Amino acid sequence: MNEQEKNPQAGQFQIELPADVAQGDYANFAIITHSSSDFVIDFARVLPGVPKAQVKSRVILAPEHAKRLLGALQENIVRYEQEYGAIKIPNQGPRTISPFNVSNKGEA
């Protein structure tokens, strides 16, 4: 019998979600960069008519965790689409995740 079978709590931990973090920050744009040791994901909010996007959160991951995140996102998108239908992304190239056509013009 392994340790997990002896003690079902083994390998588990609790996660605290503070109230100020629980609200979250809306982001509709992400910039991903990497080095040999880290992936950096900057989440930003792009708004129409606002020429400058503001980064709301930065997450730094080890390459192994970045790959785990990719797998978790893929798995959850499959589940989402099974329940709610295909997610459609109109008029976007394969590497663009911004919902707006970003330009230097300030249009409302």
N, C-alpha and C. Protein backbone atom coordinates (compact mmCIF):
# COMPACT_ATOMS: atom_id res chain seq x y z
N MET A 1 0.85 -1.18 0.00
CA MET A 1 0.00 0.00 0.00
C MET A 1 0.90 1.24 0.00
N ASN A 2 0.66 2.18 -0.95
CA ASN A 2 1.49 3.38 -0.99
C ASN A 2 0.98 4.44 -0.02
N GLU A 3 1.75 5.52 0.11
CA GLU A 3 1.43 6.56 1.09
C GLU A 3 0.07 7.20 0.82
N GLN A 4 -0.28 7.39 -0.45
CA GLN A 4 -1.55 8.02 -0.80
C GLN A 4 -2.72 7.12 -0.41
N GLU A 5 -2.58 5.81 -0.53
CA GLU A 5 -3.65 4.89 -0.15
C GLU A 5 -3.80 4.84 1.37
N LYS A 6 -2.68 4.92 2.11
CA LYS A 6 -2.72 4.91 3.57
C LYS A 6 -3.36 6.18 4.11
N ASN A 7 -3.00 7.30 3.50
CA ASN A 7 -3.47 8.60 3.97
C ASN A 7 -4.03 9.37 2.78
N PRO A 8 -5.35 9.40 2.59
CA PRO A 8 -5.93 10.09 1.43
C PRO A 8 -5.59 11.57 1.37
N GLN A 9 -5.21 12.16 2.51
CA GLN A 9 -4.86 13.58 2.54
C GLN A 9 -3.43 13.83 2.05
N ALA A 10 -2.63 12.78 1.94
CA ALA A 10 -1.24 12.94 1.51
C ALA A 10 -1.19 13.55 0.12
N GLY A 11 -0.32 14.52 -0.07
CA GLY A 11 -0.18 15.15 -1.38
C GLY A 11 -1.21 16.22 -1.66
N GLN A 12 -2.13 16.44 -0.74
CA GLN A 12 -3.15 17.47 -0.92
C GLN A 12 -2.80 18.67 -0.05
N PHE A 13 -3.25 19.84 -0.48
CA PHE A 13 -3.03 21.05 0.30
C PHE A 13 -4.20 21.97 0.12
N GLN A 14 -4.35 22.90 1.02
CA GLN A 14 -5.43 23.87 0.95
C GLN A 14 -4.95 25.12 0.23
N ILE A 15 -5.86 25.76 -0.46
CA ILE A 15 -5.55 27.00 -1.17
C ILE A 15 -6.40 28.10 -0.57
N GLU A 16 -5.75 29.19 -0.19
CA GLU A 16 -6.47 30.34 0.34
C GLU A 16 -6.71 31.34 -0.78
N LEU A 17 -7.92 31.85 -0.87
CA LEU A 17 -8.27 32.86 -1.87
C LEU A 17 -8.70 34.13 -1.14
N PRO A 18 -7.77 35.07 -0.95
CA PRO A 18 -8.11 36.31 -0.25
C PRO A 18 -9.21 37.08 -0.99
N ALA A 19 -10.02 37.80 -0.25
CA ALA A 19 -11.15 38.53 -0.82
C ALA A 19 -10.72 39.50 -1.91
N ASP A 20 -9.58 40.19 -1.73
CA ASP A 20 -9.16 41.17 -2.73
C ASP A 20 -8.70 40.50 -4.03
N VAL A 21 -8.30 39.25 -3.97
CA VAL A 21 -7.89 38.52 -5.16
C VAL A 21 -9.09 37.81 -5.79
N ALA A 22 -10.07 37.43 -4.99
CA ALA A 22 -11.23 36.66 -5.45
C ALA A 22 -12.02 37.39 -6.53
N GLN A 23 -12.03 38.71 -6.50
CA GLN A 23 -12.77 39.47 -7.52
C GLN A 23 -12.14 39.31 -8.89
N GLY A 24 -10.84 39.09 -8.93
CA GLY A 24 -10.15 38.93 -10.20
C GLY A 24 -9.98 40.25 -10.93
N ASP A 25 -9.22 40.20 -11.99
CA ASP A 25 -9.02 41.34 -12.89
C ASP A 25 -9.36 40.88 -14.29
N TYR A 26 -10.19 41.63 -14.99
CA TYR A 26 -10.56 41.29 -16.35
C TYR A 26 -9.38 41.56 -17.28
N ALA A 27 -9.05 40.58 -18.10
CA ALA A 27 -8.00 40.75 -19.11
C ALA A 27 -8.49 40.15 -20.42
N ASN A 28 -8.25 40.85 -21.51
CA ASN A 28 -8.64 40.34 -22.82
C ASN A 28 -7.47 40.33 -23.80
N PHE A 29 -6.27 40.39 -23.24
CA PHE A 29 -5.06 40.40 -24.05
C PHE A 29 -3.93 39.81 -23.22
N ALA A 30 -3.11 38.99 -23.83
CA ALA A 30 -1.98 38.40 -23.11
C ALA A 30 -0.74 38.48 -23.98
N ILE A 31 0.37 38.75 -23.33
CA ILE A 31 1.67 38.76 -24.00
C ILE A 31 2.51 37.69 -23.31
N ILE A 32 3.04 36.77 -24.09
CA ILE A 32 3.82 35.67 -23.53
C ILE A 32 5.25 35.77 -24.03
N THR A 33 6.19 35.78 -23.10
CA THR A 33 7.60 35.76 -23.43
C THR A 33 8.25 34.63 -22.62
N HIS A 34 9.45 34.25 -23.03
CA HIS A 34 10.12 33.18 -22.30
C HIS A 34 11.63 33.30 -22.41
N SER A 35 12.27 32.68 -21.44
CA SER A 35 13.72 32.51 -21.47
C SER A 35 13.96 31.01 -21.32
N SER A 36 15.19 30.61 -21.14
CA SER A 36 15.46 29.17 -20.97
C SER A 36 14.91 28.64 -19.66
N SER A 37 14.62 29.52 -18.70
CA SER A 37 14.19 29.04 -17.39
C SER A 37 12.79 29.47 -16.98
N ASP A 38 12.16 30.42 -17.68
CA ASP A 38 10.86 30.93 -17.26
C ASP A 38 9.97 31.28 -18.45
N PHE A 39 8.67 31.19 -18.22
CA PHE A 39 7.66 31.76 -19.12
C PHE A 39 7.02 32.91 -18.35
N VAL A 40 6.86 34.04 -19.02
CA VAL A 40 6.23 35.20 -18.40
C VAL A 40 4.97 35.51 -19.19
N ILE A 41 3.84 35.56 -18.49
CA ILE A 41 2.57 35.88 -19.13
C ILE A 41 2.06 37.17 -18.51
N ASP A 42 1.95 38.22 -19.32
CA ASP A 42 1.37 39.49 -18.89
C ASP A 42 -0.06 39.53 -19.39
N PHE A 43 -1.00 39.70 -18.47
CA PHE A 43 -2.41 39.81 -18.80
C PHE A 43 -2.77 41.29 -18.77
N ALA A 44 -3.37 41.77 -19.86
CA ALA A 44 -3.69 43.18 -19.99
C ALA A 44 -5.14 43.36 -20.40
N ARG A 45 -5.58 44.58 -20.27
CA ARG A 45 -6.94 44.95 -20.67
C ARG A 45 -6.81 45.97 -21.80
N VAL A 46 -7.35 45.62 -22.97
CA VAL A 46 -7.37 46.51 -24.13
C VAL A 46 -8.80 46.99 -24.30
N LEU A 47 -8.97 48.30 -24.36
CA LEU A 47 -10.31 48.87 -24.51
C LEU A 47 -10.36 49.72 -25.78
N PRO A 48 -11.50 49.69 -26.48
CA PRO A 48 -11.62 50.49 -27.69
C PRO A 48 -11.48 51.98 -27.36
N GLY A 49 -10.74 52.68 -28.19
CA GLY A 49 -10.57 54.12 -28.00
C GLY A 49 -9.50 54.48 -26.98
N VAL A 50 -8.92 53.49 -26.34
CA VAL A 50 -7.85 53.75 -25.37
C VAL A 50 -6.55 53.27 -26.00
N PRO A 51 -5.62 54.20 -26.27
CA PRO A 51 -4.43 53.84 -27.04
C PRO A 51 -3.41 52.98 -26.28
N LYS A 52 -3.53 52.87 -24.98
CA LYS A 52 -2.53 52.16 -24.19
C LYS A 52 -3.19 51.07 -23.36
N ALA A 53 -2.74 49.83 -23.54
CA ALA A 53 -3.24 48.72 -22.74
C ALA A 53 -2.51 48.70 -21.41
N GLN A 54 -3.23 48.39 -20.35
CA GLN A 54 -2.62 48.34 -19.04
C GLN A 54 -2.49 46.88 -18.58
N VAL A 55 -1.27 46.49 -18.21
CA VAL A 55 -1.06 45.14 -17.69
C VAL A 55 -1.70 45.07 -16.31
N LYS A 56 -2.55 44.09 -16.12
CA LYS A 56 -3.27 43.91 -14.86
C LYS A 56 -2.62 42.86 -13.97
N SER A 57 -1.90 41.93 -14.58
CA SER A 57 -1.30 40.86 -13.81
C SER A 57 -0.15 40.25 -14.59
N ARG A 58 0.89 39.82 -13.89
CA ARG A 58 2.01 39.12 -14.51
C ARG A 58 2.18 37.81 -13.76
N VAL A 59 2.25 36.72 -14.53
CA VAL A 59 2.46 35.40 -13.96
C VAL A 59 3.75 34.85 -14.54
N ILE A 60 4.64 34.39 -13.67
CA ILE A 60 5.91 33.82 -14.10
C ILE A 60 5.90 32.34 -13.75
N LEU A 61 6.15 31.50 -14.75
CA LEU A 61 6.07 30.06 -14.59
C LEU A 61 7.35 29.37 -15.03
N ALA A 62 7.69 28.28 -14.36
CA ALA A 62 8.74 27.40 -14.85
C ALA A 62 8.21 26.73 -16.12
N PRO A 63 9.08 26.35 -17.05
CA PRO A 63 8.61 25.71 -18.29
C PRO A 63 7.69 24.50 -18.04
N GLU A 64 8.00 23.70 -17.03
CA GLU A 64 7.17 22.54 -16.73
C GLU A 64 5.75 22.96 -16.31
N HIS A 65 5.66 24.03 -15.52
CA HIS A 65 4.34 24.50 -15.09
C HIS A 65 3.59 25.15 -16.25
N ALA A 66 4.32 25.81 -17.16
CA ALA A 66 3.67 26.39 -18.33
C ALA A 66 3.04 25.28 -19.18
N LYS A 67 3.75 24.17 -19.31
CA LYS A 67 3.21 23.05 -20.09
C LYS A 67 2.01 22.43 -19.38
N ARG A 68 2.07 22.33 -18.06
CA ARG A 68 0.91 21.83 -17.30
C ARG A 68 -0.29 22.76 -17.45
N LEU A 69 -0.04 24.07 -17.43
CA LEU A 69 -1.11 25.05 -17.62
C LEU A 69 -1.73 24.88 -19.00
N LEU A 70 -0.91 24.71 -20.02
CA LEU A 70 -1.41 24.49 -21.38
C LEU A 70 -2.34 23.26 -21.41
N GLY A 71 -1.90 22.17 -20.81
CA GLY A 71 -2.72 20.96 -20.78
C GLY A 71 -4.02 21.17 -20.03
N ALA A 72 -3.96 21.88 -18.89
CA ALA A 72 -5.17 22.13 -18.11
C ALA A 72 -6.14 23.02 -18.89
N LEU A 73 -5.63 24.03 -19.59
CA LEU A 73 -6.49 24.88 -20.40
C LEU A 73 -7.14 24.09 -21.54
N GLN A 74 -6.35 23.24 -22.21
CA GLN A 74 -6.90 22.42 -23.29
C GLN A 74 -8.02 21.52 -22.78
N GLU A 75 -7.77 20.88 -21.65
CA GLU A 75 -8.77 19.98 -21.06
C GLU A 75 -10.04 20.73 -20.70
N ASN A 76 -9.90 21.90 -20.11
CA ASN A 76 -11.07 22.67 -19.71
C ASN A 76 -11.81 23.27 -20.90
N ILE A 77 -11.12 23.64 -21.96
CA ILE A 77 -11.80 24.12 -23.16
C ILE A 77 -12.61 23.00 -23.79
N VAL A 78 -12.07 21.79 -23.83
CA VAL A 78 -12.82 20.64 -24.35
C VAL A 78 -14.09 20.45 -23.54
N ARG A 79 -13.98 20.48 -22.21
CA ARG A 79 -15.16 20.32 -21.34
C ARG A 79 -16.18 21.43 -21.57
N TYR A 80 -15.69 22.67 -21.66
CA TYR A 80 -16.57 23.82 -21.89
C TYR A 80 -17.34 23.64 -23.20
N GLU A 81 -16.61 23.29 -24.27
CA GLU A 81 -17.27 23.16 -25.58
C GLU A 81 -18.23 21.99 -25.61
N GLN A 82 -17.97 20.95 -24.86
CA GLN A 82 -18.92 19.83 -24.78
C GLN A 82 -20.22 20.28 -24.13
N GLU A 83 -20.12 21.15 -23.16
CA GLU A 83 -21.31 21.61 -22.44
C GLU A 83 -22.02 22.78 -23.13
N TYR A 84 -21.24 23.73 -23.67
CA TYR A 84 -21.83 24.96 -24.19
C TYR A 84 -21.71 25.17 -25.69
N GLY A 85 -20.98 24.32 -26.37
CA GLY A 85 -20.78 24.47 -27.80
C GLY A 85 -19.43 25.10 -28.11
N ALA A 86 -19.09 25.06 -29.38
CA ALA A 86 -17.78 25.53 -29.84
C ALA A 86 -17.58 27.01 -29.53
N ILE A 87 -16.39 27.35 -29.13
CA ILE A 87 -16.00 28.74 -28.92
C ILE A 87 -15.56 29.28 -30.27
N LYS A 88 -16.22 30.31 -30.73
CA LYS A 88 -15.91 30.90 -32.03
C LYS A 88 -15.05 32.14 -31.83
N ILE A 89 -13.98 32.25 -32.61
CA ILE A 89 -13.10 33.40 -32.56
C ILE A 89 -13.11 34.05 -33.94
N PRO A 90 -13.96 35.07 -34.15
CA PRO A 90 -14.09 35.67 -35.48
C PRO A 90 -12.90 36.54 -35.85
N ASN A 91 -12.51 36.47 -37.12
CA ASN A 91 -11.53 37.38 -37.71
C ASN A 91 -10.21 37.49 -36.95
N GLN A 92 -9.71 36.38 -36.47
CA GLN A 92 -8.44 36.43 -35.77
C GLN A 92 -7.47 35.42 -36.35
N GLY A 93 -6.22 35.82 -36.39
CA GLY A 93 -5.16 34.90 -36.79
C GLY A 93 -4.88 33.93 -35.66
N PRO A 94 -4.08 32.92 -35.92
CA PRO A 94 -3.85 31.88 -34.92
C PRO A 94 -3.08 32.34 -33.69
N ARG A 95 -2.34 33.45 -33.74
CA ARG A 95 -1.54 33.87 -32.59
C ARG A 95 -2.07 35.12 -31.93
N THR A 96 -3.18 35.64 -32.38
CA THR A 96 -3.72 36.87 -31.80
C THR A 96 -4.82 36.50 -30.82
N ILE A 97 -4.74 37.07 -29.61
CA ILE A 97 -5.80 36.78 -28.66
C ILE A 97 -6.52 38.04 -28.20
N SER A 98 -6.22 39.18 -28.80
CA SER A 98 -6.92 40.41 -28.45
C SER A 98 -8.25 40.47 -29.19
N PRO A 99 -9.33 40.84 -28.50
CA PRO A 99 -10.63 40.93 -29.17
C PRO A 99 -10.77 42.18 -30.02
N PHE A 100 -9.80 43.09 -29.95
CA PHE A 100 -9.88 44.34 -30.69
C PHE A 100 -8.78 44.41 -31.72
N ASN A 101 -9.05 45.13 -32.79
CA ASN A 101 -8.01 45.43 -33.76
C ASN A 101 -7.27 46.65 -33.21
N VAL A 102 -6.13 46.43 -32.59
CA VAL A 102 -5.41 47.48 -31.91
C VAL A 102 -4.71 48.38 -32.93
N SER A 103 -4.97 49.66 -32.83
CA SER A 103 -4.31 50.65 -33.69
C SER A 103 -4.00 51.87 -32.85
N ASN A 104 -3.28 52.80 -33.43
CA ASN A 104 -2.94 54.01 -32.70
C ASN A 104 -4.05 55.06 -32.76
N LYS A 105 -5.10 54.79 -33.53
CA LYS A 105 -6.21 55.72 -33.61
C LYS A 105 -7.08 55.59 -32.37
N GLY A 106 -7.48 56.71 -31.80
CA GLY A 106 -8.38 56.68 -30.64
C GLY A 106 -9.82 56.75 -31.07
N GLU A 107 -10.40 55.63 -31.42
CA GLU A 107 -11.80 55.62 -31.87
C GLU A 107 -12.67 55.07 -30.75
N ALA A 108 -13.84 55.64 -30.60
CA ALA A 108 -14.78 55.15 -29.59
C ALA A 108 -15.86 54.36 -30.24
